[in-house]
Every structure is written in C-alpha cells, then in structure tokens.
Amino acid sequence: MILGFVPNIARARVHLWGPTQMMAAVLPMLDGPGVDEGVISTEDFVSLPFEPGPGCG
C-alpha cells in the first residue's frame, strides 16, 4: 500500500506522527519495503482525558 504512494520509500527518511493506533498499524507496513528502522522518526499524538475546570458547565 505505501509503495503506491512512495515507490522509493526504502531510500528515504520516514517521519511518522499520529495517534498511537495509527502508528501501530503503519510501522509494520514499513518492514515489507525494506525501510531501515534507523531512518524512521516517530511521535505519538496522545489526547489527555478532558477534565472540566471552574466555570465549565
């Protein structure tokens, strides 16, 4: 699937940011095209639970 969008991904640096569930789904897809894990940079987006403050109603 990824190769359809980035045919030469094995020769590129990969910057991957997103929700934890997306990262868990996409990272294994990078193994098939031969992306070295040393060129993958990741950052998970984490949403904290909403805690209403004073005056929130």
PDB file of N, CA and C in Angstrom:
ATOM      1  N   MET A   1       0.802  -1.186   0.000  1.00  0.00           N
ATOM      2  CA  MET A   1       0.000   0.000   0.000  1.00  0.00           C
ATOM      3  C   MET A   1       0.857   1.267   0.000  1.00  0.00           C
ATOM      4  N   ILE A   2       1.850   1.333   0.861  1.00  0.00           N
ATOM      5  CA  ILE A   2       2.695   2.526   0.951  1.00  0.00           C
ATOM      6  C   ILE A   2       3.488   2.720  -0.336  1.00  0.00           C
ATOM      7  N   LEU A   3       3.936   1.636  -0.951  1.00  0.00           N
ATOM      8  CA  LEU A   3       4.725   1.757  -2.170  1.00  0.00           C
ATOM      9  C   LEU A   3       3.954   2.430  -3.300  1.00  0.00           C
ATOM     10  N   GLY A   4       2.635   2.340  -3.271  1.00  0.00           N
ATOM     11  CA  GLY A   4       1.829   3.018  -4.276  1.00  0.00           C
ATOM     12  C   GLY A   4       1.928   4.533  -4.171  1.00  0.00           C
ATOM     13  N   PHE A   5       2.218   5.036  -2.989  1.00  0.00           N
ATOM     14  CA  PHE A   5       2.327   6.473  -2.759  1.00  0.00           C
ATOM     15  C   PHE A   5       3.781   6.945  -2.763  1.00  0.00           C
ATOM     16  N   VAL A   6       4.688   6.106  -2.237  1.00  0.00           N
ATOM     17  CA  VAL A   6       6.107   6.463  -2.142  1.00  0.00           C
ATOM     18  C   VAL A   6       6.924   5.277  -2.643  1.00  0.00           C
ATOM     19  N   PRO A   7       7.096   5.177  -3.974  1.00  0.00           N
ATOM     20  CA  PRO A   7       7.748   3.989  -4.546  1.00  0.00           C
ATOM     21  C   PRO A   7       9.171   3.742  -4.043  1.00  0.00           C
ATOM     22  N   ASN A   8       9.913   4.777  -3.713  1.00  0.00           N
ATOM     23  CA  ASN A   8      11.313   4.627  -3.275  1.00  0.00           C
ATOM     24  C   ASN A   8      11.466   4.808  -1.768  1.00  0.00           C
ATOM     25  N   ILE A   9      10.474   4.398  -1.010  1.00  0.00           N
ATOM     26  CA  ILE A   9      10.491   4.649   0.436  1.00  0.00           C
ATOM     27  C   ILE A   9      11.679   3.999   1.143  1.00  0.00           C
ATOM     28  N   ALA A  10      12.198   2.909   0.600  1.00  0.00           N
ATOM     29  CA  ALA A  10      13.331   2.230   1.244  1.00  0.00           C
ATOM     30  C   ALA A  10      14.587   3.101   1.240  1.00  0.00           C
ATOM     31  N   ARG A  11      14.625   4.122   0.378  1.00  0.00           N
ATOM     32  CA  ARG A  11      15.800   5.006   0.304  1.00  0.00           C
ATOM     33  C   ARG A  11      15.535   6.367   0.941  1.00  0.00           C
ATOM     34  N   ALA A  12      14.422   6.499   1.672  1.00  0.00           N
ATOM     35  CA  ALA A  12      14.036   7.794   2.224  1.00  0.00           C
ATOM     36  C   ALA A  12      14.064   7.783   3.746  1.00  0.00           C
ATOM     37  N   ARG A  13      14.125   8.981   4.302  1.00  0.00           N
ATOM     38  CA  ARG A  13      13.888   9.133   5.730  1.00  0.00           C
ATOM     39  C   ARG A  13      12.385   9.150   5.911  1.00  0.00           C
ATOM     40  N   VAL A  14      11.904   8.535   6.968  1.00  0.00           N
ATOM     41  CA  VAL A  14      10.462   8.463   7.204  1.00  0.00           C
ATOM     42  C   VAL A  14      10.145   9.179   8.511  1.00  0.00           C
ATOM     43  N   HIS A  15       9.265  10.163   8.425  1.00  0.00           N
ATOM     44  CA  HIS A  15       8.810  10.901   9.603  1.00  0.00           C
ATOM     45  C   HIS A  15       7.341  10.568   9.775  1.00  0.00           C
ATOM     46  N   LEU A  16       7.019   9.918  10.868  1.00  0.00           N
ATOM     47  CA  LEU A  16       5.670   9.413  11.085  1.00  0.00           C
ATOM     48  C   LEU A  16       5.133   9.940  12.414  1.00  0.00           C
ATOM     49  N   TRP A  17       4.064  10.733  12.317  1.00  0.00           N
ATOM     50  CA  TRP A  17       3.428  11.281  13.516  1.00  0.00           C
ATOM     51  C   TRP A  17       1.952  10.985  13.449  1.00  0.00           C
ATOM     52  N   GLY A  18       1.359  10.634  14.580  1.00  0.00           N
ATOM     53  CA  GLY A  18      -0.072  10.384  14.600  1.00  0.00           C
ATOM     54  C   GLY A  18      -0.518   9.703  15.879  1.00  0.00           C
ATOM     55  N   PRO A  19      -1.803   9.364  15.925  1.00  0.00           N
ATOM     56  CA  PRO A  19      -2.333   8.659  17.095  1.00  0.00           C
ATOM     57  C   PRO A  19      -1.661   7.291  17.260  1.00  0.00           C
ATOM     58  N   THR A  20      -1.612   6.834  18.493  1.00  0.00           N
ATOM     59  CA  THR A  20      -0.952   5.564  18.812  1.00  0.00           C
ATOM     60  C   THR A  20      -1.458   4.411  17.958  1.00  0.00           C
ATOM     61  N   GLN A  21      -2.767   4.334  17.751  1.00  0.00           N
ATOM     62  CA  GLN A  21      -3.337   3.236  16.969  1.00  0.00           C
ATOM     63  C   GLN A  21      -2.876   3.289  15.507  1.00  0.00           C
ATOM     64  N   MET A  22      -2.761   4.485  14.951  1.00  0.00           N
ATOM     65  CA  MET A  22      -2.293   4.619  13.577  1.00  0.00           C
ATOM     66  C   MET A  22      -0.836   4.192  13.468  1.00  0.00           C
ATOM     67  N   MET A  23      -0.027   4.612  14.429  1.00  0.00           N
ATOM     68  CA  MET A  23       1.384   4.252  14.414  1.00  0.00           C
ATOM     69  C   MET A  23       1.556   2.732  14.466  1.00  0.00           C
ATOM     70  N   ALA A  24       0.762   2.081  15.312  1.00  0.00           N
ATOM     71  CA  ALA A  24       0.835   0.624  15.442  1.00  0.00           C
ATOM     72  C   ALA A  24       0.464  -0.057  14.129  1.00  0.00           C
ATOM     73  N   ALA A  25      -0.426   0.552  13.351  1.00  0.00           N
ATOM     74  CA  ALA A  25      -0.834  -0.030  12.075  1.00  0.00           C
ATOM     75  C   ALA A  25       0.179   0.239  10.963  1.00  0.00           C
ATOM     76  N   VAL A  26       0.795   1.415  10.958  1.00  0.00           N
ATOM     77  CA  VAL A  26       1.675   1.813   9.852  1.00  0.00           C
ATOM     78  C   VAL A  26       3.099   1.272  10.003  1.00  0.00           C
ATOM     79  N   LEU A  27       3.638   1.260  11.205  1.00  0.00           N
ATOM     80  CA  LEU A  27       5.029   0.822  11.379  1.00  0.00           C
ATOM     81  C   LEU A  27       5.313  -0.560  10.787  1.00  0.00           C
ATOM     82  N   PRO A  28       4.457  -1.564  10.979  1.00  0.00           N
ATOM     83  CA  PRO A  28       4.739  -2.863  10.363  1.00  0.00           C
ATOM     84  C   PRO A  28       4.739  -2.811   8.827  1.00  0.00           C
ATOM     85  N   MET A  29       4.010  -1.864   8.240  1.00  0.00           N
ATOM     86  CA  MET A  29       3.977  -1.741   6.779  1.00  0.00           C
ATOM     87  C   MET A  29       5.317  -1.282   6.213  1.00  0.00           C
ATOM     88  N   LEU A  30       6.160  -0.699   7.048  1.00  0.00           N
ATOM     89  CA  LEU A  30       7.454  -0.218   6.579  1.00  0.00           C
ATOM     90  C   LEU A  30       8.491  -1.332   6.504  1.00  0.00           C
ATOM     91  N   ASP A  31       8.238  -2.455   7.151  1.00  0.00           N
ATOM     92  CA  ASP A  31       9.169  -3.587   7.094  1.00  0.00           C
ATOM     93  C   ASP A  31       9.219  -4.197   5.701  1.00  0.00           C
ATOM     94  N   GLY A  32       8.067  -4.383   5.070  1.00  0.00           N
ATOM     95  CA  GLY A  32       7.988  -5.023   3.760  1.00  0.00           C
ATOM     96  C   GLY A  32       8.831  -4.343   2.696  1.00  0.00           C
ATOM     97  N   PRO A  33       8.736  -3.004   2.550  1.00  0.00           N
ATOM     98  CA  PRO A  33       9.536  -2.318   1.535  1.00  0.00           C
ATOM     99  C   PRO A  33      11.010  -2.185   1.900  1.00  0.00           C
ATOM    100  N   GLY A  34      11.407  -2.641   3.083  1.00  0.00           N
ATOM    101  CA  GLY A  34      12.817  -2.618   3.461  1.00  0.00           C
ATOM    102  C   GLY A  34      13.299  -1.311   4.058  1.00  0.00           C
ATOM    103  N   VAL A  35      12.426  -0.581   4.740  1.00  0.00           N
ATOM    104  CA  VAL A  35      12.840   0.661   5.391  1.00  0.00           C
ATOM    105  C   VAL A  35      13.619   0.298   6.655  1.00  0.00           C
ATOM    106  N   ASP A  36      14.838   0.810   6.758  1.00  0.00           N
ATOM    107  CA  ASP A  36      15.662   0.561   7.936  1.00  0.00           C
ATOM    108  C   ASP A  36      15.087   1.346   9.113  1.00  0.00           C
ATOM    109  N   GLU A  37      14.918   0.698  10.253  1.00  0.00           N
ATOM    110  CA  GLU A  37      14.295   1.382  11.390  1.00  0.00           C
ATOM    111  C   GLU A  37      15.128   2.561  11.885  1.00  0.00           C
ATOM    112  N   GLY A  38      16.401   2.627  11.527  1.00  0.00           N
ATOM    113  CA  GLY A  38      17.254   3.744  11.914  1.00  0.00           C
ATOM    114  C   GLY A  38      16.908   5.054  11.216  1.00  0.00           C
ATOM    115  N   VAL A  39      16.123   4.993  10.134  1.00  0.00           N
ATOM    116  CA  VAL A  39      15.741   6.216   9.412  1.00  0.00           C
ATOM    117  C   VAL A  39      14.293   6.603   9.676  1.00  0.00           C
ATOM    118  N   ILE A  40      13.651   5.899  10.613  1.00  0.00           N
ATOM    119  CA  ILE A  40      12.251   6.199  10.944  1.00  0.00           C
ATOM    120  C   ILE A  40      12.205   7.043  12.208  1.00  0.00           C
ATOM    121  N   SER A  41      11.565   8.199  12.101  1.00  0.00           N
ATOM    122  CA  SER A  41      11.356   9.058  13.259  1.00  0.00           C
ATOM    123  C   SER A  41       9.867   9.062  13.556  1.00  0.00           C
ATOM    124  N   THR A  42       9.497   8.865  14.818  1.00  0.00           N
ATOM    125  CA  THR A  42       8.084   8.761  15.178  1.00  0.00           C
ATOM    126  C   THR A  42       7.743   9.674  16.353  1.00  0.00           C
ATOM    127  N   GLU A  43       6.489  10.069  16.393  1.00  0.00           N
ATOM    128  CA  GLU A  43       5.968  10.800  17.539  1.00  0.00           C
ATOM    129  C   GLU A  43       4.477  10.493  17.641  1.00  0.00           C
ATOM    130  N   ASP A  44       4.086   9.939  18.786  1.00  0.00           N
ATOM    131  CA  ASP A  44       2.669   9.614  19.013  1.00  0.00           C
ATOM    132  C   ASP A  44       1.911  10.860  19.460  1.00  0.00           C
ATOM    133  N   PHE A  45       0.698  11.006  18.955  1.00  0.00           N
ATOM    134  CA  PHE A  45      -0.205  12.041  19.453  1.00  0.00           C
ATOM    135  C   PHE A  45      -1.032  11.391  20.546  1.00  0.00           C
ATOM    136  N   VAL A  46      -1.016  11.961  21.711  1.00  0.00           N
ATOM    137  CA  VAL A  46      -1.770  11.412  22.829  1.00  0.00           C
ATOM    138  C   VAL A  46      -2.754  12.465  23.310  1.00  0.00           C
ATOM    139  N   SER A  47      -4.009  12.100  23.390  1.00  0.00           N
ATOM    140  CA  SER A  47      -5.029  13.012  23.907  1.00  0.00           C
ATOM    141  C   SER A  47      -5.240  12.728  25.378  1.00  0.00           C
ATOM    142  N   LEU A  48      -5.145  13.774  26.171  1.00  0.00           N
ATOM    143  CA  LEU A  48      -5.401  13.621  27.593  1.00  0.00           C
ATOM    144  C   LEU A  48      -6.913  13.645  27.837  1.00  0.00           C
ATOM    145  N   PRO A  49      -7.374  12.962  28.862  1.00  0.00           N
ATOM    146  CA  PRO A  49      -8.810  12.996  29.162  1.00  0.00           C
ATOM    147  C   PRO A  49      -9.249  14.410  29.520  1.00  0.00           C
ATOM    148  N   PHE A  50     -10.449  14.754  29.118  1.00  0.00           N
ATOM    149  CA  PHE A  50     -10.996  16.085  29.403  1.00  0.00           C
ATOM    150  C   PHE A  50     -11.372  16.180  30.870  1.00  0.00           C
ATOM    151  N   GLU A  51     -10.888  17.224  31.516  1.00  0.00           N
ATOM    152  CA  GLU A  51     -11.241  17.500  32.905  1.00  0.00           C
ATOM    153  C   GLU A  51     -11.774  18.931  32.956  1.00  0.00           C
ATOM    154  N   PRO A  52     -13.091  19.084  33.136  1.00  0.00           N
ATOM    155  CA  PRO A  52     -13.645  20.433  33.157  1.00  0.00           C
ATOM    156  C   PRO A  52     -13.099  21.254  34.318  1.00  0.00           C
ATOM    157  N   GLY A  53     -12.763  22.484  34.015  1.00  0.00           N
ATOM    158  CA  GLY A  53     -12.266  23.373  35.050  1.00  0.00           C
ATOM    159  C   GLY A  53     -13.375  24.227  35.630  1.00  0.00           C
ATOM    160  N   PRO A  54     -13.030  25.129  36.518  1.00  0.00           N
ATOM    161  CA  PRO A  54     -14.025  26.019  37.128  1.00  0.00           C
ATOM    162  C   PRO A  54     -14.776  26.799  36.048  1.00  0.00           C
ATOM    163  N   GLY A  55     -16.079  26.902  36.204  1.00  0.00           N
ATOM    164  CA  GLY A  55     -16.891  27.646  35.263  1.00  0.00           C
ATOM    165  C   GLY A  55     -17.322  26.868  34.037  1.00  0.00           C
ATOM    166  N   CYS A  56     -16.850  25.621  33.883  1.00  0.00           N
ATOM    167  CA  CYS A  56     -17.287  24.789  32.759  1.00  0.00           C
ATOM    168  C   CYS A  56     -18.524  24.033  33.198  1.00  0.00           C
ATOM    169  N   GLY A  57     -19.541  24.145  32.401  1.00  0.00           N
ATOM    170  CA  GLY A  57     -20.693  23.626  32.824  1.00  0.00           C
ATOM    171  C   GLY A  57     -21.555  22.601  32.710  1.00  0.00           C
TER     172      GLY A  57
END
